[in-house]
Every structure is written in C-alpha cells, then in structure tokens.
C-alpha atoms as a PDB file:
ATOM      1  CA  MET A   1     -11.725  -7.195  -2.929  1.00  0.00           C
ATOM      2  CA  GLN A   2     -14.090  -9.973  -1.910  1.00  0.00           C
ATOM      3  CA  VAL A   3     -17.853  -9.337  -1.963  1.00  0.00           C
ATOM      4  CA  GLY A   4     -20.211 -11.785  -0.278  1.00  0.00           C
ATOM      5  CA  ILE A   5     -23.948 -11.729  -0.903  1.00  0.00           C
ATOM      6  CA  PHE A   6     -26.076 -13.580   1.637  1.00  0.00           C
ATOM      7  CA  ILE A   7     -29.099 -15.395   0.169  1.00  0.00           C
ATOM      8  CA  TYR A   8     -31.738 -17.680   1.681  1.00  0.00           C
ATOM      9  CA  ASP A   9     -34.992 -19.409   0.742  1.00  0.00           C
ATOM     10  CA  GLY A  10     -37.467 -16.733  -0.334  1.00  0.00           C
ATOM     11  CA  VAL A  11     -34.779 -14.247  -1.419  1.00  0.00           C
ATOM     12  CA  GLU A  12     -35.815 -11.708  -4.076  1.00  0.00           C
ATOM     13  CA  ILE A  13     -33.976 -12.481  -7.335  1.00  0.00           C
ATOM     14  CA  LEU A  14     -32.926  -8.950  -8.289  1.00  0.00           C
ATOM     15  CA  ASP A  15     -31.861  -8.231  -4.688  1.00  0.00           C
ATOM     16  CA  PHE A  16     -28.853 -10.507  -5.171  1.00  0.00           C
ATOM     17  CA  SER A  17     -28.461 -10.766  -8.949  1.00  0.00           C
ATOM     18  CA  GLY A  18     -28.388  -6.977  -9.464  1.00  0.00           C
ATOM     19  CA  PRO A  19     -25.523  -6.448  -7.001  1.00  0.00           C
ATOM     20  CA  TYR A  20     -23.778  -9.558  -8.332  1.00  0.00           C
ATOM     21  CA  GLU A  21     -23.897  -8.101 -11.847  1.00  0.00           C
ATOM     22  CA  VAL A  22     -22.624  -4.695 -10.698  1.00  0.00           C
ATOM     23  CA  PHE A  23     -19.511  -6.095  -9.041  1.00  0.00           C
ATOM     24  CA  SER A  24     -18.906  -8.677 -11.774  1.00  0.00           C
ATOM     25  CA  SER A  25     -19.118  -5.936 -14.410  1.00  0.00           C
ATOM     26  CA  ALA A  26     -16.973  -3.498 -12.403  1.00  0.00           C
ATOM     27  CA  ASN A  27     -14.268  -6.165 -12.415  1.00  0.00           C
ATOM     28  CA  LYS A  28     -13.677  -5.336 -16.093  1.00  0.00           C
ATOM     29  CA  TYR A  29     -12.694  -1.742 -15.235  1.00  0.00           C
ATOM     30  CA  THR A  30     -10.551  -2.079 -12.119  1.00  0.00           C
ATOM     31  CA  SER A  31      -6.961  -3.122 -11.655  1.00  0.00           C
ATOM     32  CA  GLU A  32      -7.950  -4.821  -8.390  1.00  0.00           C
ATOM     33  CA  HIS A  33      -9.677  -8.191  -8.716  1.00  0.00           C
ATOM     34  CA  LEU A  34     -13.269  -8.261  -7.470  1.00  0.00           C
ATOM     35  CA  GLY A  35     -14.481 -11.653  -6.327  1.00  0.00           C
ATOM     36  CA  VAL A  36     -18.232 -12.048  -5.859  1.00  0.00           C
ATOM     37  CA  SER A  37     -19.745 -14.996  -3.994  1.00  0.00           C
ATOM     38  CA  LEU A  38     -23.171 -16.132  -2.893  1.00  0.00           C
ATOM     39  CA  VAL A  39     -23.402 -17.374   0.701  1.00  0.00           C
ATOM     40  CA  ALA A  40     -26.365 -19.266   2.161  1.00  0.00           C
ATOM     41  CA  PRO A  41     -27.286 -20.980   5.431  1.00  0.00           C
ATOM     42  CA  SER A  42     -26.175 -24.295   3.908  1.00  0.00           C
ATOM     43  CA  GLN A  43     -24.644 -25.571   0.688  1.00  0.00           C
ATOM     44  CA  ALA A  44     -28.087 -26.749  -0.513  1.00  0.00           C
ATOM     45  CA  PRO A  45     -29.718 -24.906  -3.414  1.00  0.00           C
ATOM     46  CA  VAL A  46     -31.704 -21.825  -2.417  1.00  0.00           C
ATOM     47  CA  ARG A  47     -35.263 -21.417  -3.710  1.00  0.00           C
ATOM     48  CA  THR A  48     -35.932 -17.757  -4.565  1.00  0.00           C
ATOM     49  CA  ARG A  49     -39.188 -15.911  -4.073  1.00  0.00           C
ATOM     50  CA  GLY A  50     -39.879 -16.412  -7.792  1.00  0.00           C
ATOM     51  CA  GLY A  51     -39.148 -20.165  -7.663  1.00  0.00           C
ATOM     52  CA  MET A  52     -35.668 -20.132  -9.198  1.00  0.00           C
ATOM     53  CA  SER A  53     -33.150 -22.574  -7.743  1.00  0.00           C
ATOM     54  CA  VAL A  54     -29.743 -21.021  -7.022  1.00  0.00           C
ATOM     55  CA  ASN A  55     -26.561 -22.797  -5.957  1.00  0.00           C
ATOM     56  CA  PRO A  56     -24.582 -20.807  -3.386  1.00  0.00           C
ATOM     57  CA  HIS A  57     -20.803 -20.753  -3.611  1.00  0.00           C
ATOM     58  CA  TYR A  58     -20.433 -21.169   0.149  1.00  0.00           C
ATOM     59  CA  SER A  59     -22.376 -22.056   3.246  1.00  0.00           C
ATOM     60  CA  ILE A  60     -22.041 -19.820   6.290  1.00  0.00           C
ATOM     61  CA  TYR A  61     -19.849 -22.564   7.759  1.00  0.00           C
ATOM     62  CA  ALA A  62     -17.227 -22.329   5.008  1.00  0.00           C
ATOM     63  CA  ALA A  63     -17.447 -18.710   3.808  1.00  0.00           C
ATOM     64  CA  PRO A  64     -14.179 -16.833   3.306  1.00  0.00           C
ATOM     65  CA  HIS A  65     -13.366 -13.384   4.673  1.00  0.00           C
ATOM     66  CA  PHE A  66     -15.281 -10.629   2.865  1.00  0.00           C
ATOM     67  CA  ASP A  67     -14.419  -6.964   2.412  1.00  0.00           C
ATOM     68  CA  LEU A  68     -18.096  -6.215   1.741  1.00  0.00           C
ATOM     69  CA  LEU A  69     -21.061  -8.256   2.939  1.00  0.00           C
ATOM     70  CA  ILE A  70     -24.464  -7.640   1.349  1.00  0.00           C
ATOM     71  CA  VAL A  71     -27.654  -9.174   2.741  1.00  0.00           C
ATOM     72  CA  ALA A  72     -30.370  -9.484   0.114  1.00  0.00           C
ATOM     73  CA  GLY A  73     -34.030  -8.989   0.900  1.00  0.00           C
ATOM     74  CA  GLY A  74     -37.069 -11.118   0.249  1.00  0.00           C
ATOM     75  CA  LYS A  75     -39.267 -13.230   2.495  1.00  0.00           C
ATOM     76  CA  HIS A  76     -37.060 -12.482   5.480  1.00  0.00           C
ATOM     77  CA  GLN A  77     -39.355 -13.375   8.386  1.00  0.00           C
ATOM     78  CA  GLY A  78     -38.267 -17.024   8.634  1.00  0.00           C
ATOM     79  CA  ILE A  79     -34.527 -16.465   8.341  1.00  0.00           C
ATOM     80  CA  MET A  80     -34.692 -13.762  11.044  1.00  0.00           C
ATOM     81  CA  THR A  81     -35.587 -16.420  13.608  1.00  0.00           C
ATOM     82  CA  ASN A  82     -32.518 -18.533  12.821  1.00  0.00           C
ATOM     83  CA  PRO A  83     -30.011 -17.909  15.654  1.00  0.00           C
ATOM     84  CA  THR A  84     -27.188 -19.620  13.748  1.00  0.00           C
ATOM     85  CA  VAL A  85     -27.584 -17.196  10.838  1.00  0.00           C
ATOM     86  CA  LEU A  86     -27.856 -14.159  13.127  1.00  0.00           C
ATOM     87  CA  ASN A  87     -24.735 -15.236  15.050  1.00  0.00           C
ATOM     88  CA  TRP A  88     -22.849 -15.768  11.783  1.00  0.00           C
ATOM     89  CA  LEU A  89     -23.967 -12.358  10.544  1.00  0.00           C
ATOM     90  CA  ALA A  90     -22.853 -10.668  13.766  1.00  0.00           C
ATOM     91  CA  GLU A  91     -19.475 -12.425  13.742  1.00  0.00           C
ATOM     92  CA  THR A  92     -18.883 -11.789  10.032  1.00  0.00           C
ATOM     93  CA  ALA A  93     -19.889  -8.118  10.262  1.00  0.00           C
ATOM     94  CA  GLN A  94     -17.269  -7.558  12.983  1.00  0.00           C
ATOM     95  CA  HIS A  95     -14.505  -8.604  10.589  1.00  0.00           C
ATOM     96  CA  THR A  96     -15.873  -7.002   7.427  1.00  0.00           C
ATOM     97  CA  ARG A  97     -14.841  -3.509   6.307  1.00  0.00           C
ATOM     98  CA  ALA A  98     -18.304  -2.627   5.005  1.00  0.00           C
ATOM     99  CA  CYS A  99     -21.786  -4.105   5.205  1.00  0.00           C
ATOM    100  CA  ALA A 100     -24.868  -3.433   3.117  1.00  0.00           C
ATOM    101  CA  SER A 101     -28.438  -4.546   2.655  1.00  0.00           C
ATOM    102  CA  VAL A 102     -30.862  -4.569  -0.221  1.00  0.00           C
ATOM    103  CA  SER A 103     -34.523  -3.966   0.591  1.00  0.00           C
ATOM    104  CA  THR A 104     -35.660  -6.060   3.566  1.00  0.00           C
ATOM    105  CA  GLY A 105     -32.167  -7.459   4.122  1.00  0.00           C
ATOM    106  CA  VAL A 106     -31.802  -4.590   6.598  1.00  0.00           C
ATOM    107  CA  PHE A 107     -34.148  -6.470   8.959  1.00  0.00           C
ATOM    108  CA  LEU A 108     -31.491  -9.172   9.494  1.00  0.00           C
ATOM    109  CA  TYR A 109     -28.859  -6.625  10.482  1.00  0.00           C
ATOM    110  CA  ALA A 110     -31.389  -4.943  12.807  1.00  0.00           C
ATOM    111  CA  GLN A 111     -32.431  -8.258  14.366  1.00  0.00           C
ATOM    112  CA  ALA A 112     -28.776  -9.080  15.010  1.00  0.00           C
ATOM    113  CA  GLY A 113     -28.371  -5.688  16.748  1.00  0.00           C
ATOM    114  CA  LEU A 114     -25.680  -4.509  14.342  1.00  0.00           C
ATOM    115  CA  ILE A 115     -27.020  -1.167  13.112  1.00  0.00           C
ATOM    116  CA  ASP A 116     -28.549   0.592  16.121  1.00  0.00           C
ATOM    117  CA  GLY A 117     -28.554   4.365  15.624  1.00  0.00           C
ATOM    118  CA  LYS A 118     -27.681   4.156  11.928  1.00  0.00           C
ATOM    119  CA  LYS A 119     -29.542   5.870   9.093  1.00  0.00           C
ATOM    120  CA  VAL A 120     -31.139   3.091   7.038  1.00  0.00           C
ATOM    121  CA  THR A 121     -33.813   2.505   4.452  1.00  0.00           C
ATOM    122  CA  THR A 122     -35.750  -0.417   3.021  1.00  0.00           C
ATOM    123  CA  HIS A 123     -38.522  -1.241   0.560  1.00  0.00           C
ATOM    124  CA  GLN A 124     -41.218   1.443   0.632  1.00  0.00           C
ATOM    125  CA  LEU A 125     -43.847  -1.071   1.753  1.00  0.00           C
ATOM    126  CA  GLU A 126     -41.712  -2.122   4.741  1.00  0.00           C
ATOM    127  CA  ILE A 127     -40.719   1.326   6.082  1.00  0.00           C
ATOM    128  CA  ASP A 128     -43.449   1.461   8.756  1.00  0.00           C
ATOM    129  CA  GLU A 129     -42.697  -2.053  10.016  1.00  0.00           C
ATOM    130  CA  LEU A 130     -38.976  -1.306  10.220  1.00  0.00           C
ATOM    131  CA  LYS A 131     -39.677   1.893  12.195  1.00  0.00           C
ATOM    132  CA  SER A 132     -42.052   0.224  14.633  1.00  0.00           C
ATOM    133  CA  LYS A 133     -40.059  -2.986  15.144  1.00  0.00           C
ATOM    134  CA  TYR A 134     -36.669  -1.269  15.513  1.00  0.00           C
ATOM    135  CA  PRO A 135     -37.182   2.220  17.006  1.00  0.00           C
ATOM    136  CA  GLU A 136     -33.429   2.480  17.652  1.00  0.00           C
ATOM    137  CA  LEU A 137     -32.862   2.887  13.891  1.00  0.00           C
ATOM    138  CA  ASN A 138     -33.007   6.196  12.040  1.00  0.00           C
ATOM    139  CA  VAL A 139     -35.246   5.040   9.159  1.00  0.00           C
ATOM    140  CA  VAL A 140     -35.226   7.285   6.077  1.00  0.00           C
ATOM    141  CA  ASN A 141     -37.984   7.174   3.474  1.00  0.00           C
ATOM    142  CA  ASP A 142     -37.967   8.285  -0.175  1.00  0.00           C
ATOM    143  CA  VAL A 143     -34.307   7.518  -0.941  1.00  0.00           C
ATOM    144  CA  ARG A 144     -32.840   4.871  -3.253  1.00  0.00           C
ATOM    145  CA  TYR A 145     -29.997   4.160  -0.826  1.00  0.00           C
ATOM    146  CA  ILE A 146     -28.287   5.708   2.164  1.00  0.00           C
ATOM    147  CA  MET A 147     -24.717   5.435   3.427  1.00  0.00           C
ATOM    148  CA  ASP A 148     -23.926   5.750   7.137  1.00  0.00           C
ATOM    149  CA  GLN A 149     -20.237   5.174   7.802  1.00  0.00           C
ATOM    150  CA  ASN A 150     -19.514   1.516   6.971  1.00  0.00           C
ATOM    151  CA  PHE A 151     -23.176   0.502   6.525  1.00  0.00           C
ATOM    152  CA  THR A 152     -25.202   1.131   3.373  1.00  0.00           C
ATOM    153  CA  SER A 153     -28.817   0.160   2.786  1.00  0.00           C
ATOM    154  CA  SER A 154     -31.074   0.453  -0.223  1.00  0.00           C
ATOM    155  CA  ALA A 155     -34.755   0.658  -0.882  1.00  0.00           C
ATOM    156  CA  GLY A 156     -36.486  -2.183  -2.681  1.00  0.00           C
ATOM    157  CA  ILE A 157     -35.261  -4.520  -5.357  1.00  0.00           C
ATOM    158  CA  SER A 158     -33.744  -2.481  -8.235  1.00  0.00           C
ATOM    159  CA  ALA A 159     -32.433   0.151  -5.796  1.00  0.00           C
ATOM    160  CA  GLY A 160     -29.764  -2.388  -4.861  1.00  0.00           C
ATOM    161  CA  ILE A 161     -28.165  -1.769  -8.260  1.00  0.00           C
ATOM    162  CA  ASP A 162     -27.954   1.974  -7.549  1.00  0.00           C
ATOM    163  CA  MET A 163     -26.512   1.260  -4.113  1.00  0.00           C
ATOM    164  CA  CYS A 164     -23.844  -1.076  -5.480  1.00  0.00           C
ATOM    165  CA  LEU A 165     -22.854   1.390  -8.197  1.00  0.00           C
ATOM    166  CA  ALA A 166     -22.425   3.997  -5.428  1.00  0.00           C
ATOM    167  CA  LEU A 167     -20.266   1.516  -3.493  1.00  0.00           C
ATOM    168  CA  VAL A 168     -18.169   0.945  -6.630  1.00  0.00           C
ATOM    169  CA  LYS A 169     -17.827   4.717  -6.982  1.00  0.00           C
ATOM    170  CA  ARG A 170     -16.729   5.055  -3.341  1.00  0.00           C
ATOM    171  CA  LYS A 171     -14.087   2.336  -3.709  1.00  0.00           C
ATOM    172  CA  PHE A 172     -12.869   2.780  -7.305  1.00  0.00           C
ATOM    173  CA  GLY A 173     -14.014   6.245  -8.386  1.00  0.00           C
ATOM    174  CA  GLU A 174     -16.730   7.785 -10.506  1.00  0.00           C
ATOM    175  CA  LYS A 175     -15.204   6.718 -13.833  1.00  0.00           C
ATOM    176  CA  VAL A 176     -15.324   3.016 -12.929  1.00  0.00           C
ATOM    177  CA  ALA A 177     -18.905   3.344 -11.651  1.00  0.00           C
ATOM    178  CA  LYS A 178     -20.048   5.094 -14.847  1.00  0.00           C
ATOM    179  CA  LEU A 179     -18.284   2.553 -17.072  1.00  0.00           C
ATOM    180  CA  THR A 180     -19.921  -0.251 -15.084  1.00  0.00           C
ATOM    181  CA  ALA A 181     -23.383   1.297 -15.486  1.00  0.00           C
ATOM    182  CA  GLN A 182     -22.764   1.824 -19.213  1.00  0.00           C
ATOM    183  CA  HIS A 183     -21.604  -1.773 -19.606  1.00  0.00           C
ATOM    184  CA  MET A 184     -24.834  -2.906 -17.925  1.00  0.00           C
ATOM    185  CA  GLU A 185     -26.834  -0.439 -20.052  1.00  0.00           C
ATOM    186  CA  TYR A 186     -28.275   0.839 -16.806  1.00  0.00           C
ATOM    187  CA  GLY A 187     -29.430   4.441 -16.506  1.00  0.00           C
ATOM    188  CA  TRP A 188     -27.653   5.296 -13.262  1.00  0.00           C
ATOM    189  CA  HIS A 189     -27.782   8.798 -11.849  1.00  0.00           C
ATOM    190  CA  ASP A 190     -25.802   9.057  -8.642  1.00  0.00           C
END
C-alpha cells in the first residue's frame, strides 16, 4: 500500500507528520508493506507554518501511484489558487482508491470540485468558511473525523492522527490499529 501526503509552503507540521507516523508505525504490524511519501508542488524544500524546512520525496510531476492520498492543512489560501496543483489533485484522485484531508486540506479537494455532496469536516475555526464557500458540501461540526465512501476528512491538527488510525483499522483491522496507537503511546479511542 502506498500512502502519499501532499505538503506545501505553510503546511501545519502535525497535519503531515502525525499521519506519516501512523502509517510508518502500522508498517511494523502488517504483512503488507506500507510506503509513505511526502509530495509537494516541486522538489524544493517546503517551509512549514512553524518554519521547519522539509524535503519532499516527490514533486507532483514525478509522484508514483498512491492507494491513499492525504492532503495536509495549513495556510492553504495560496496553494488553492495554483491551477497546476488543483489539476494534479483532480487527476491523482481519479486513480486513487481513497483520499483524505487533515484540517484545512479539505479546502483543496473542495476547490478542485472533487467532494461535492460529501460529508466532510475541518478545523473548528474554519467550519463556517467551509460552509459558506462550498455550500455543495455537507459540513459536519464537532467530530474528530468523518468517512464518506472513499473520502475521509478530519478536524484540526491532531485529529489527523485519529483519522489515520481509523483508516488503518478499516484496511488492516482493529488489532493493527490498536497496536499502532500503543506503539505511538497515543490514547486513541475509535
């Protein structure tokens, strides 16, 4: 299973590092290899919201096929106006079994027109903006994450860990998800 996590300048650190850790840790408890990669608009280092410099594994021009694509949240307003990124996201989502977003990453999927009619959530401070900007979405408040067919979205920042543990549970079973959470010393309650 190949997991791609899309990052960009202004990305929230835990929005991508939490999911990365979940799938990397789950790899210890599955018989199927889990590959986890960071993908960015280019191969250049990405500057996070907190100022950390992160080297992506791939640019959108050289990314492999993913079974799961996660878009991390952060300062998303600038990246949402990049037609190359939105086109890549739309094309990649068509050939990906499952897609997910952490926090404001859901705005990129919405802007690309990929989740109309789906139940989604985002960071609590962004709920009203998501509802007003994308009335075609069924925005749910007061949940850590929500699954709607092949699309899963989480609330803000640390909720991405809960979401990814739920995705591990869906794919590999409850035992693997619980072992992963224990390995991470994370108090997960599905």
